[in-house]
Amino acid sequence: MSYLINKITYAFLTLFGVVTVIFFLFNVLPGDPAQMMLGQNEDSEQLAIVKQKYGFDKPVSTQYFYYLNDLSPISFHCNQKEDYTFLRDGKYSAANLFTIGNTTIVLKFPYLRESFTKQGKKVSQVLAETLPNTFVLAVSAIVIAMILGIILGIVSALYKDQWIDKTIQIFSTLGMSVPSFFSAILFAWFFGFFTRIH
């Protein structure tokens, strides 16, 4: 039981650390999210409205607590309509637990907010739309890796300590060391451009 509690605690602390780092990275990087959402059509009045709507006009510490509150399955929401945490229809999918004064505590799905690039779309909706393709891509990659791994492993075992074995070891080490985004570019170039020419 203590082993399970330790694992859950470590998982929670890791998730909390990742969420915190991501939040502060996006706040440290240059660029105004409100301007990104409005594009070229922004003016000072529109910027002020967007900043108030998404809580960008608040101090970073307040924005951070809003962010944690949105991600948490148990969250606190003000009953005043002008407040960022107000339980608006279509924004949160929540079930009320109880109310204390002007604050309602709810049980909800984590709210991942709205996309900066696809205005009006929730991030969860964007993820749901891309999930099937991501699943197909992941399964295909796992199957290809297993087939190649088994074949090359058998070849390495048959030619142990020979030049074929050494070559396979070098290529497998390179394959694990190269960042995935770079190897994806190489594969896209090879299968999409090089093979089409030849």
C-alpha atoms as a PDB file:
ATOM      1  CA  MET A   1       0.000   0.000   0.000  1.00  0.00           C
ATOM      2  CA  SER A   2       2.811   2.425   0.882  1.00  0.00           C
ATOM      3  CA  TYR A   3       4.480   1.617  -2.484  1.00  0.00           C
ATOM      4  CA  LEU A   4       1.277   2.631  -4.323  1.00  0.00           C
ATOM      5  CA  ILE A   5       0.949   5.833  -2.267  1.00  0.00           C
ATOM      6  CA  ASN A   6       4.596   6.731  -3.025  1.00  0.00           C
ATOM      7  CA  LYS A   7       4.080   6.162  -6.754  1.00  0.00           C
ATOM      8  CA  ILE A   8       0.911   8.285  -6.804  1.00  0.00           C
ATOM      9  CA  THR A   9       2.684  11.033  -4.818  1.00  0.00           C
ATOM     10  CA  TYR A  10       5.667  11.045  -7.207  1.00  0.00           C
ATOM     11  CA  ALA A  11       3.342  11.063 -10.228  1.00  0.00           C
ATOM     12  CA  PHE A  12       1.400  14.012  -8.781  1.00  0.00           C
ATOM     13  CA  LEU A  13       4.593  15.959  -7.969  1.00  0.00           C
ATOM     14  CA  THR A  14       5.980  15.281 -11.464  1.00  0.00           C
ATOM     15  CA  LEU A  15       2.737  16.429 -13.107  1.00  0.00           C
ATOM     16  CA  PHE A  16       2.639  19.508 -10.887  1.00  0.00           C
ATOM     17  CA  GLY A  17       6.253  20.323 -11.800  1.00  0.00           C
ATOM     18  CA  VAL A  18       5.621  19.921 -15.543  1.00  0.00           C
ATOM     19  CA  VAL A  19       2.481  22.101 -15.389  1.00  0.00           C
ATOM     20  CA  THR A  20       4.358  24.782 -13.436  1.00  0.00           C
ATOM     21  CA  VAL A  21       7.360  24.812 -15.802  1.00  0.00           C
ATOM     22  CA  ILE A  22       5.107  24.999 -18.892  1.00  0.00           C
ATOM     23  CA  PHE A  23       3.083  27.868 -17.426  1.00  0.00           C
ATOM     24  CA  PHE A  24       6.108  29.973 -16.512  1.00  0.00           C
ATOM     25  CA  LEU A  25       7.870  29.196 -19.801  1.00  0.00           C
ATOM     26  CA  PHE A  26       4.926  30.597 -21.745  1.00  0.00           C
ATOM     27  CA  ASN A  27       4.863  33.673 -19.506  1.00  0.00           C
ATOM     28  CA  VAL A  28       8.618  34.263 -19.841  1.00  0.00           C
ATOM     29  CA  LEU A  29       8.669  33.908 -23.655  1.00  0.00           C
ATOM     30  CA  PRO A  30       8.142  37.146 -25.615  1.00  0.00           C
ATOM     31  CA  GLY A  31       4.756  37.804 -27.202  1.00  0.00           C
ATOM     32  CA  ASP A  32       1.319  38.832 -25.987  1.00  0.00           C
ATOM     33  CA  PRO A  33      -1.299  36.014 -26.071  1.00  0.00           C
ATOM     34  CA  ALA A  34      -4.090  38.570 -26.542  1.00  0.00           C
ATOM     35  CA  GLN A  35      -2.379  39.974 -29.647  1.00  0.00           C
ATOM     36  CA  MET A  36      -1.829  36.433 -30.939  1.00  0.00           C
ATOM     37  CA  MET A  37      -5.560  35.753 -30.636  1.00  0.00           C
ATOM     38  CA  LEU A  38      -6.623  38.994 -32.347  1.00  0.00           C
ATOM     39  CA  GLY A  39      -3.983  38.904 -35.101  1.00  0.00           C
ATOM     40  CA  GLN A  40      -3.640  42.047 -37.204  1.00  0.00           C
ATOM     41  CA  ASN A  41      -7.065  43.442 -36.307  1.00  0.00           C
ATOM     42  CA  GLU A  42      -6.380  44.394 -32.705  1.00  0.00           C
ATOM     43  CA  ASP A  43      -6.907  47.801 -31.126  1.00  0.00           C
ATOM     44  CA  SER A  44      -6.444  48.899 -27.521  1.00  0.00           C
ATOM     45  CA  GLU A  45     -10.132  48.393 -26.634  1.00  0.00           C
ATOM     46  CA  GLN A  46     -10.256  44.861 -28.078  1.00  0.00           C
ATOM     47  CA  LEU A  47      -6.972  43.989 -26.366  1.00  0.00           C
ATOM     48  CA  ALA A  48      -8.364  45.132 -23.011  1.00  0.00           C
ATOM     49  CA  ILE A  49     -11.530  43.020 -23.497  1.00  0.00           C
ATOM     50  CA  VAL A  50      -9.576  39.883 -24.433  1.00  0.00           C
ATOM     51  CA  LYS A  51      -7.114  40.357 -21.542  1.00  0.00           C
ATOM     52  CA  GLN A  52      -9.986  40.711 -19.070  1.00  0.00           C
ATOM     53  CA  LYS A  53     -11.837  37.706 -20.536  1.00  0.00           C
ATOM     54  CA  TYR A  54      -8.835  35.376 -20.263  1.00  0.00           C
ATOM     55  CA  GLY A  55      -7.312  36.862 -17.095  1.00  0.00           C
ATOM     56  CA  PHE A  56      -4.204  38.226 -18.863  1.00  0.00           C
ATOM     57  CA  ASP A  57      -4.651  41.564 -17.071  1.00  0.00           C
ATOM     58  CA  LYS A  58      -3.965  39.917 -13.690  1.00  0.00           C
ATOM     59  CA  PRO A  59      -0.528  39.475 -12.033  1.00  0.00           C
ATOM     60  CA  VAL A  60       1.407  36.345 -13.053  1.00  0.00           C
ATOM     61  CA  SER A  61       0.828  34.759  -9.623  1.00  0.00           C
ATOM     62  CA  THR A  62      -2.962  35.173 -10.002  1.00  0.00           C
ATOM     63  CA  GLN A  63      -2.836  33.797 -13.569  1.00  0.00           C
ATOM     64  CA  TYR A  64      -0.903  30.795 -12.237  1.00  0.00           C
ATOM     65  CA  PHE A  65      -3.571  30.027  -9.624  1.00  0.00           C
ATOM     66  CA  TYR A  66      -6.286  30.458 -12.280  1.00  0.00           C
ATOM     67  CA  TYR A  67      -4.357  27.978 -14.442  1.00  0.00           C
ATOM     68  CA  LEU A  68      -4.111  25.408 -11.632  1.00  0.00           C
ATOM     69  CA  ASN A  69      -7.786  25.966 -10.822  1.00  0.00           C
ATOM     70  CA  ASP A  70      -8.725  25.274 -14.469  1.00  0.00           C
ATOM     71  CA  LEU A  71      -6.671  22.058 -14.578  1.00  0.00           C
ATOM     72  CA  SER A  72      -7.754  20.743 -11.187  1.00  0.00           C
ATOM     73  CA  PRO A  73     -10.710  18.295 -11.120  1.00  0.00           C
ATOM     74  CA  ILE A  74     -11.908  19.985  -7.910  1.00  0.00           C
ATOM     75  CA  SER A  75     -11.985  23.754  -8.380  1.00  0.00           C
ATOM     76  CA  PHE A  76     -13.270  26.984  -6.843  1.00  0.00           C
ATOM     77  CA  HIS A  77     -15.458  29.398  -8.792  1.00  0.00           C
ATOM     78  CA  CYS A  78     -16.726  32.870  -7.976  1.00  0.00           C
ATOM     79  CA  ASN A  79     -20.476  33.484  -8.399  1.00  0.00           C
ATOM     80  CA  GLN A  80     -19.962  36.968  -9.901  1.00  0.00           C
ATOM     81  CA  LYS A  81     -20.393  36.974 -13.684  1.00  0.00           C
ATOM     82  CA  GLU A  82     -17.537  39.394 -14.379  1.00  0.00           C
ATOM     83  CA  ASP A  83     -15.005  37.164 -12.575  1.00  0.00           C
ATOM     84  CA  TYR A  84     -12.730  34.917 -14.683  1.00  0.00           C
ATOM     85  CA  THR A  85     -13.624  31.807 -12.650  1.00  0.00           C
ATOM     86  CA  PHE A  86     -17.401  32.232 -13.063  1.00  0.00           C
ATOM     87  CA  LEU A  87     -19.075  28.955 -14.136  1.00  0.00           C
ATOM     88  CA  ARG A  88     -20.133  29.939 -17.637  1.00  0.00           C
ATOM     89  CA  ASP A  89     -22.155  27.553 -19.791  1.00  0.00           C
ATOM     90  CA  GLY A  90     -19.970  25.979 -22.488  1.00  0.00           C
ATOM     91  CA  LYS A  91     -16.751  26.831 -20.665  1.00  0.00           C
ATOM     92  CA  TYR A  92     -16.717  24.269 -17.851  1.00  0.00           C
ATOM     93  CA  SER A  93     -18.270  20.787 -17.664  1.00  0.00           C
ATOM     94  CA  ALA A  94     -18.857  20.647 -13.931  1.00  0.00           C
ATOM     95  CA  ALA A  95     -21.068  19.294 -11.156  1.00  0.00           C
ATOM     96  CA  ASN A  96     -21.626  21.523  -8.122  1.00  0.00           C
ATOM     97  CA  LEU A  97     -20.461  20.065  -4.818  1.00  0.00           C
ATOM     98  CA  PHE A  98     -21.313  22.893  -2.393  1.00  0.00           C
ATOM     99  CA  THR A  99     -21.261  26.671  -2.026  1.00  0.00           C
ATOM    100  CA  ILE A 100     -19.490  28.709   0.655  1.00  0.00           C
ATOM    101  CA  GLY A 101     -20.421  32.390   0.614  1.00  0.00           C
ATOM    102  CA  ASN A 102     -19.658  33.737  -2.848  1.00  0.00           C
ATOM    103  CA  THR A 103     -17.633  30.697  -3.960  1.00  0.00           C
ATOM    104  CA  THR A 104     -18.870  27.431  -5.477  1.00  0.00           C
ATOM    105  CA  ILE A 105     -16.730  24.277  -5.252  1.00  0.00           C
ATOM    106  CA  VAL A 106     -17.250  21.928  -8.208  1.00  0.00           C
ATOM    107  CA  LEU A 107     -16.113  18.576  -9.581  1.00  0.00           C
ATOM    108  CA  LYS A 108     -15.174  18.954 -13.251  1.00  0.00           C
ATOM    109  CA  PHE A 109     -13.184  17.767 -16.233  1.00  0.00           C
ATOM    110  CA  PRO A 110      -9.862  19.624 -16.497  1.00  0.00           C
ATOM    111  CA  TYR A 111     -10.413  22.794 -18.536  1.00  0.00           C
ATOM    112  CA  LEU A 112      -7.541  23.185 -21.021  1.00  0.00           C
ATOM    113  CA  ARG A 113      -8.761  26.627 -22.148  1.00  0.00           C
ATOM    114  CA  GLU A 114      -9.157  27.893 -25.713  1.00  0.00           C
ATOM    115  CA  SER A 115      -6.666  27.656 -28.551  1.00  0.00           C
ATOM    116  CA  PHE A 116      -4.778  30.855 -29.434  1.00  0.00           C
ATOM    117  CA  THR A 117      -4.568  29.882 -33.105  1.00  0.00           C
ATOM    118  CA  LYS A 118      -8.047  28.359 -33.582  1.00  0.00           C
ATOM    119  CA  GLN A 119     -10.240  30.983 -31.985  1.00  0.00           C
ATOM    120  CA  GLY A 120     -13.396  29.780 -30.272  1.00  0.00           C
ATOM    121  CA  LYS A 121     -12.201  26.165 -30.142  1.00  0.00           C
ATOM    122  CA  LYS A 122     -11.342  24.482 -26.873  1.00  0.00           C
ATOM    123  CA  VAL A 123      -7.920  22.852 -26.676  1.00  0.00           C
ATOM    124  CA  SER A 124      -9.661  19.625 -25.577  1.00  0.00           C
ATOM    125  CA  GLN A 125     -11.727  19.719 -28.802  1.00  0.00           C
ATOM    126  CA  VAL A 126      -8.579  20.245 -30.918  1.00  0.00           C
ATOM    127  CA  LEU A 127      -6.921  17.295 -29.145  1.00  0.00           C
ATOM    128  CA  ALA A 128     -10.005  15.107 -29.687  1.00  0.00           C
ATOM    129  CA  GLU A 129      -9.968  15.916 -33.426  1.00  0.00           C
ATOM    130  CA  THR A 130      -6.290  14.986 -33.807  1.00  0.00           C
ATOM    131  CA  LEU A 131      -6.370  11.941 -31.496  1.00  0.00           C
ATOM    132  CA  PRO A 132      -7.388   9.333 -34.143  1.00  0.00           C
ATOM    133  CA  ASN A 133      -4.517  10.328 -36.478  1.00  0.00           C
ATOM    134  CA  THR A 134      -2.093  10.429 -33.549  1.00  0.00           C
ATOM    135  CA  PHE A 135      -3.219   6.937 -32.484  1.00  0.00           C
ATOM    136  CA  VAL A 136      -2.709   5.530 -36.009  1.00  0.00           C
ATOM    137  CA  LEU A 137       0.723   7.187 -36.226  1.00  0.00           C
ATOM    138  CA  ALA A 138       1.800   5.884 -32.793  1.00  0.00           C
ATOM    139  CA  VAL A 139       0.624   2.312 -33.470  1.00  0.00           C
ATOM    140  CA  SER A 140       2.311   2.330 -36.912  1.00  0.00           C
ATOM    141  CA  ALA A 141       5.581   3.567 -35.376  1.00  0.00           C
ATOM    142  CA  ILE A 142       5.473   0.892 -32.657  1.00  0.00           C
ATOM    143  CA  VAL A 143       4.777  -1.889 -35.198  1.00  0.00           C
ATOM    144  CA  ILE A 144       7.581  -0.720 -37.534  1.00  0.00           C
ATOM    145  CA  ALA A 145       9.998  -0.401 -34.589  1.00  0.00           C
ATOM    146  CA  MET A 146       9.140  -3.921 -33.358  1.00  0.00           C
ATOM    147  CA  ILE A 147       9.558  -5.512 -36.799  1.00  0.00           C
ATOM    148  CA  LEU A 148      12.858  -3.726 -37.500  1.00  0.00           C
ATOM    149  CA  GLY A 149      14.095  -4.378 -33.955  1.00  0.00           C
ATOM    150  CA  ILE A 150      13.424  -8.123 -34.146  1.00  0.00           C
ATOM    151  CA  ILE A 151      14.953  -8.484 -37.634  1.00  0.00           C
ATOM    152  CA  LEU A 152      18.058  -6.428 -36.808  1.00  0.00           C
ATOM    153  CA  GLY A 153      18.400  -8.176 -33.433  1.00  0.00           C
ATOM    154  CA  ILE A 154      18.420 -11.591 -35.130  1.00  0.00           C
ATOM    155  CA  VAL A 155      20.986 -10.383 -37.717  1.00  0.00           C
ATOM    156  CA  SER A 156      23.190  -8.973 -34.913  1.00  0.00           C
ATOM    157  CA  ALA A 157      23.010 -12.263 -33.017  1.00  0.00           C
ATOM    158  CA  LEU A 158      23.934 -14.287 -36.122  1.00  0.00           C
ATOM    159  CA  TYR A 159      26.901 -12.035 -36.951  1.00  0.00           C
ATOM    160  CA  LYS A 160      28.013 -11.213 -33.388  1.00  0.00           C
ATOM    161  CA  ASP A 161      31.111  -8.973 -33.170  1.00  0.00           C
ATOM    162  CA  GLN A 162      31.376  -8.737 -36.963  1.00  0.00           C
ATOM    163  CA  TRP A 163      31.099  -5.542 -39.030  1.00  0.00           C
ATOM    164  CA  ILE A 164      27.338  -6.066 -39.616  1.00  0.00           C
ATOM    165  CA  ASP A 165      26.752  -6.248 -35.862  1.00  0.00           C
ATOM    166  CA  LYS A 166      28.855  -3.114 -35.268  1.00  0.00           C
ATOM    167  CA  THR A 167      27.037  -1.220 -38.045  1.00  0.00           C
ATOM    168  CA  ILE A 168      23.616  -2.128 -36.619  1.00  0.00           C
ATOM    169  CA  GLN A 169      24.756  -1.001 -33.155  1.00  0.00           C
ATOM    170  CA  ILE A 170      25.931   2.366 -34.541  1.00  0.00           C
ATOM    171  CA  PHE A 171      22.669   2.975 -36.433  1.00  0.00           C
ATOM    172  CA  SER A 172      20.501   1.902 -33.489  1.00  0.00           C
ATOM    173  CA  THR A 173      22.436   4.245 -31.149  1.00  0.00           C
ATOM    174  CA  LEU A 174      22.047   7.092 -33.649  1.00  0.00           C
ATOM    175  CA  GLY A 175      18.334   6.306 -33.946  1.00  0.00           C
ATOM    176  CA  MET A 176      17.858   6.592 -30.184  1.00  0.00           C
ATOM    177  CA  SER A 177      20.036   9.724 -29.910  1.00  0.00           C
ATOM    178  CA  VAL A 178      18.585  11.820 -32.762  1.00  0.00           C
ATOM    179  CA  PRO A 179      15.657  14.021 -31.627  1.00  0.00           C
ATOM    180  CA  SER A 180      12.295  12.767 -32.910  1.00  0.00           C
ATOM    181  CA  PHE A 181      11.447  16.047 -34.675  1.00  0.00           C
ATOM    182  CA  PHE A 182      14.691  15.841 -36.694  1.00  0.00           C
ATOM    183  CA  SER A 183      14.206  12.182 -37.636  1.00  0.00           C
ATOM    184  CA  ALA A 184      10.611  13.020 -38.641  1.00  0.00           C
ATOM    185  CA  ILE A 185      11.946  15.698 -41.035  1.00  0.00           C
ATOM    186  CA  LEU A 186      14.411  13.175 -42.521  1.00  0.00           C
ATOM    187  CA  PHE A 187      11.687  10.554 -43.024  1.00  0.00           C
ATOM    188  CA  ALA A 188       9.323  13.131 -44.547  1.00  0.00           C
ATOM    189  CA  TRP A 189      12.077  14.260 -46.927  1.00  0.00           C
ATOM    190  CA  PHE A 190      12.994  10.700 -47.900  1.00  0.00           C
ATOM    191  CA  PHE A 191       9.480   9.299 -48.422  1.00  0.00           C
ATOM    192  CA  GLY A 192       7.797  12.487 -49.622  1.00  0.00           C
ATOM    193  CA  PHE A 193      10.469  14.084 -51.792  1.00  0.00           C
ATOM    194  CA  PHE A 194      13.399  11.788 -52.558  1.00  0.00           C
ATOM    195  CA  THR A 195      11.327   8.694 -53.467  1.00  0.00           C
ATOM    196  CA  ARG A 196       8.976  10.764 -55.651  1.00  0.00           C
ATOM    197  CA  ILE A 197      11.926  12.054 -57.759  1.00  0.00           C
ATOM    198  CA  HIS A 198      13.389   8.580 -58.174  1.00  0.00           C
END
